[in-house]
Amino acid sequence: MQAVKGMVLVEGVTYRIVRTSRAKYDVVRISDDSLVGSFQSAPRLELSATKIDARLLRDIARTAIRGAKTSWVGRLEL
């Protein structure tokens, strides 16, 4: 199952948030349609950066969760 959950803008770059399964999301950079990493939002936040550094992926995940682009329910411990 894949569903686009929305777009987020971080450090001047737009990323697409794609839900791949329950609480799991891929992050795709819009400018070159490149998968740059993924994250899991439950039971705790887990990051997997591939083409960007982990700090940037954490900021993208945080922005997506705070912007209601995920199905997150709970506190964000970042």
N, C-alpha and C. Protein backbone atom coordinates (compact mmCIF):
# COMPACT_ATOMS: atom_id res chain seq x y z
N MET A 1 0.84 -1.17 0.00
CA MET A 1 0.00 0.00 0.00
C MET A 1 0.89 1.23 0.00
N GLN A 2 0.67 2.11 -0.96
CA GLN A 2 1.38 3.38 -0.98
C GLN A 2 0.37 4.49 -1.16
N ALA A 3 0.51 5.52 -0.33
CA ALA A 3 -0.38 6.67 -0.42
C ALA A 3 0.42 7.92 -0.13
N VAL A 4 0.33 8.89 -1.00
CA VAL A 4 1.01 10.16 -0.76
C VAL A 4 0.27 10.88 0.35
N LYS A 5 1.00 11.20 1.42
CA LYS A 5 0.40 11.85 2.57
C LYS A 5 0.54 13.36 2.52
N GLY A 6 1.42 13.86 1.66
CA GLY A 6 1.57 15.30 1.55
C GLY A 6 3.00 15.68 1.24
N MET A 7 3.22 16.98 1.23
CA MET A 7 4.53 17.55 0.95
C MET A 7 4.98 18.36 2.16
N VAL A 8 6.30 18.38 2.37
CA VAL A 8 6.87 19.23 3.42
C VAL A 8 8.03 20.00 2.82
N LEU A 9 8.24 21.20 3.33
CA LEU A 9 9.35 22.05 2.90
C LEU A 9 10.33 22.17 4.07
N VAL A 10 11.57 21.74 3.84
CA VAL A 10 12.62 21.81 4.87
C VAL A 10 13.88 22.33 4.21
N GLU A 11 14.42 23.39 4.78
CA GLU A 11 15.65 24.03 4.28
C GLU A 11 15.55 24.38 2.80
N GLY A 12 14.39 24.84 2.39
CA GLY A 12 14.19 25.29 1.02
C GLY A 12 13.98 24.20 -0.01
N VAL A 13 13.86 22.95 0.42
CA VAL A 13 13.67 21.82 -0.48
C VAL A 13 12.34 21.14 -0.12
N THR A 14 11.58 20.76 -1.15
CA THR A 14 10.29 20.11 -0.94
C THR A 14 10.45 18.60 -1.04
N TYR A 15 9.82 17.90 -0.09
CA TYR A 15 9.86 16.44 -0.04
C TYR A 15 8.44 15.90 -0.03
N ARG A 16 8.23 14.77 -0.68
CA ARG A 16 6.94 14.08 -0.68
C ARG A 16 7.00 12.98 0.38
N ILE A 17 5.97 12.89 1.19
CA ILE A 17 5.87 11.87 2.23
C ILE A 17 4.91 10.80 1.72
N VAL A 18 5.41 9.56 1.60
CA VAL A 18 4.63 8.46 1.03
C VAL A 18 4.50 7.36 2.07
N ARG A 19 3.27 7.03 2.42
CA ARG A 19 3.04 5.95 3.38
C ARG A 19 3.19 4.62 2.66
N THR A 20 4.09 3.78 3.15
CA THR A 20 4.32 2.48 2.52
C THR A 20 3.64 1.34 3.26
N SER A 21 3.44 1.50 4.55
CA SER A 21 2.69 0.56 5.37
C SER A 21 2.36 1.26 6.68
N ARG A 22 1.74 0.55 7.59
CA ARG A 22 1.32 1.17 8.85
C ARG A 22 2.51 1.81 9.56
N ALA A 23 2.44 3.12 9.76
CA ALA A 23 3.43 3.92 10.48
C ALA A 23 4.80 3.97 9.80
N LYS A 24 4.89 3.58 8.52
CA LYS A 24 6.16 3.62 7.79
C LYS A 24 6.01 4.51 6.56
N TYR A 25 7.03 5.36 6.35
CA TYR A 25 6.94 6.38 5.31
C TYR A 25 8.25 6.49 4.55
N ASP A 26 8.15 6.68 3.24
CA ASP A 26 9.31 7.01 2.41
C ASP A 26 9.33 8.52 2.23
N VAL A 27 10.54 9.06 2.06
CA VAL A 27 10.72 10.48 1.82
C VAL A 27 11.35 10.63 0.45
N VAL A 28 10.66 11.35 -0.44
CA VAL A 28 11.12 11.52 -1.82
C VAL A 28 11.36 13.00 -2.08
N ARG A 29 12.58 13.34 -2.56
CA ARG A 29 12.90 14.72 -2.91
C ARG A 29 12.20 15.03 -4.23
N ILE A 30 11.41 16.09 -4.26
CA ILE A 30 10.60 16.43 -5.43
C ILE A 30 11.48 16.86 -6.62
N SER A 31 12.54 17.61 -6.38
CA SER A 31 13.33 18.19 -7.47
C SER A 31 13.89 17.15 -8.44
N ASP A 32 14.25 15.96 -7.94
CA ASP A 32 14.78 14.92 -8.82
C ASP A 32 14.05 13.58 -8.65
N ASP A 33 12.91 13.61 -7.95
CA ASP A 33 12.09 12.42 -7.72
C ASP A 33 12.92 11.26 -7.17
N SER A 34 13.79 11.59 -6.20
CA SER A 34 14.73 10.62 -5.65
C SER A 34 14.34 10.23 -4.21
N LEU A 35 14.29 8.93 -3.94
CA LEU A 35 14.06 8.45 -2.59
C LEU A 35 15.30 8.77 -1.75
N VAL A 36 15.13 9.56 -0.70
CA VAL A 36 16.28 9.99 0.10
C VAL A 36 16.34 9.34 1.47
N GLY A 37 15.28 8.64 1.84
CA GLY A 37 15.27 7.97 3.14
C GLY A 37 13.86 7.54 3.50
N SER A 38 13.74 7.00 4.71
CA SER A 38 12.44 6.57 5.20
C SER A 38 12.43 6.70 6.72
N PHE A 39 11.23 6.67 7.26
CA PHE A 39 11.12 6.69 8.73
C PHE A 39 9.89 5.91 9.15
N GLN A 40 9.95 5.47 10.39
CA GLN A 40 8.85 4.77 11.04
C GLN A 40 8.44 5.63 12.22
N SER A 41 7.14 5.88 12.37
CA SER A 41 6.70 6.79 13.42
C SER A 41 6.19 6.09 14.67
N ALA A 42 6.00 4.79 14.64
CA ALA A 42 5.50 4.08 15.82
C ALA A 42 6.10 2.68 15.84
N PRO A 43 6.36 2.10 16.96
CA PRO A 43 6.08 2.59 18.30
C PRO A 43 7.04 3.69 18.75
N ARG A 44 8.16 3.82 18.07
CA ARG A 44 9.05 4.96 18.33
C ARG A 44 9.64 5.37 17.00
N LEU A 45 10.13 6.60 16.93
CA LEU A 45 10.67 7.12 15.69
C LEU A 45 11.97 6.42 15.33
N GLU A 46 12.02 5.87 14.11
CA GLU A 46 13.23 5.25 13.59
C GLU A 46 13.50 5.83 12.21
N LEU A 47 14.76 6.19 11.94
CA LEU A 47 15.15 6.83 10.69
C LEU A 47 16.09 5.94 9.89
N SER A 48 15.97 6.03 8.57
CA SER A 48 16.88 5.33 7.68
C SER A 48 17.20 6.27 6.52
N ALA A 49 18.30 7.01 6.64
CA ALA A 49 18.70 7.97 5.60
C ALA A 49 19.55 7.26 4.55
N THR A 50 19.28 7.56 3.28
CA THR A 50 20.07 6.95 2.21
C THR A 50 20.87 7.98 1.42
N LYS A 51 20.24 9.10 1.04
CA LYS A 51 20.93 10.09 0.22
C LYS A 51 21.08 11.44 0.90
N ILE A 52 20.64 11.54 2.15
CA ILE A 52 20.78 12.75 2.93
C ILE A 52 21.27 12.36 4.32
N ASP A 53 21.72 13.35 5.08
CA ASP A 53 22.20 12.99 6.42
C ASP A 53 21.03 12.79 7.39
N ALA A 54 21.30 12.07 8.44
CA ALA A 54 20.26 11.69 9.40
C ALA A 54 19.63 12.90 10.06
N ARG A 55 20.39 13.96 10.29
CA ARG A 55 19.85 15.18 10.90
C ARG A 55 18.76 15.78 10.02
N LEU A 56 19.01 15.85 8.71
CA LEU A 56 18.02 16.40 7.79
C LEU A 56 16.79 15.50 7.73
N LEU A 57 16.98 14.20 7.69
CA LEU A 57 15.83 13.29 7.68
C LEU A 57 15.02 13.43 8.96
N ARG A 58 15.68 13.60 10.09
CA ARG A 58 14.96 13.82 11.36
C ARG A 58 14.11 15.08 11.28
N ASP A 59 14.66 16.16 10.69
CA ASP A 59 13.91 17.41 10.55
C ASP A 59 12.72 17.23 9.62
N ILE A 60 12.90 16.46 8.55
CA ILE A 60 11.80 16.19 7.62
C ILE A 60 10.71 15.39 8.32
N ALA A 61 11.09 14.34 9.04
CA ALA A 61 10.11 13.52 9.78
C ALA A 61 9.38 14.36 10.82
N ARG A 62 10.11 15.17 11.54
CA ARG A 62 9.49 16.03 12.56
C ARG A 62 8.49 16.99 11.92
N THR A 63 8.87 17.60 10.79
CA THR A 63 7.98 18.52 10.09
C THR A 63 6.73 17.79 9.59
N ALA A 64 6.90 16.59 9.05
CA ALA A 64 5.77 15.81 8.56
C ALA A 64 4.82 15.44 9.70
N ILE A 65 5.37 15.02 10.82
CA ILE A 65 4.53 14.63 11.96
C ILE A 65 3.80 15.84 12.52
N ARG A 66 4.51 16.94 12.71
CA ARG A 66 3.87 18.15 13.25
C ARG A 66 2.86 18.75 12.28
N GLY A 67 3.08 18.56 10.98
CA GLY A 67 2.16 19.09 9.97
C GLY A 67 1.02 18.15 9.64
N ALA A 68 0.86 17.09 10.43
CA ALA A 68 -0.22 16.12 10.26
C ALA A 68 -0.16 15.41 8.91
N LYS A 69 1.05 15.13 8.43
CA LYS A 69 1.22 14.38 7.18
C LYS A 69 1.37 12.89 7.44
N THR A 70 1.31 12.50 8.70
CA THR A 70 1.42 11.09 9.09
C THR A 70 0.26 10.74 10.00
N SER A 71 0.13 9.48 10.32
CA SER A 71 -0.93 9.04 11.22
C SER A 71 -0.44 8.97 12.66
N TRP A 72 0.51 9.80 13.00
CA TRP A 72 1.12 9.82 14.34
C TRP A 72 0.10 10.13 15.41
N VAL A 73 0.16 9.40 16.52
CA VAL A 73 -0.65 9.68 17.70
C VAL A 73 0.27 9.52 18.89
N GLY A 74 0.54 10.60 19.58
CA GLY A 74 1.40 10.51 20.76
C GLY A 74 2.37 11.67 20.82
N ARG A 75 3.39 11.52 21.63
CA ARG A 75 4.40 12.56 21.81
C ARG A 75 5.58 12.30 20.90
N LEU A 76 6.15 13.37 20.40
CA LEU A 76 7.33 13.27 19.56
C LEU A 76 8.56 13.56 20.41
N GLU A 77 9.40 12.58 20.59
CA GLU A 77 10.60 12.69 21.42
C GLU A 77 11.82 12.90 20.53
N LEU A 78 12.05 14.10 20.07
CA LEU A 78 13.22 14.39 19.24
C LEU A 78 14.11 15.39 19.90
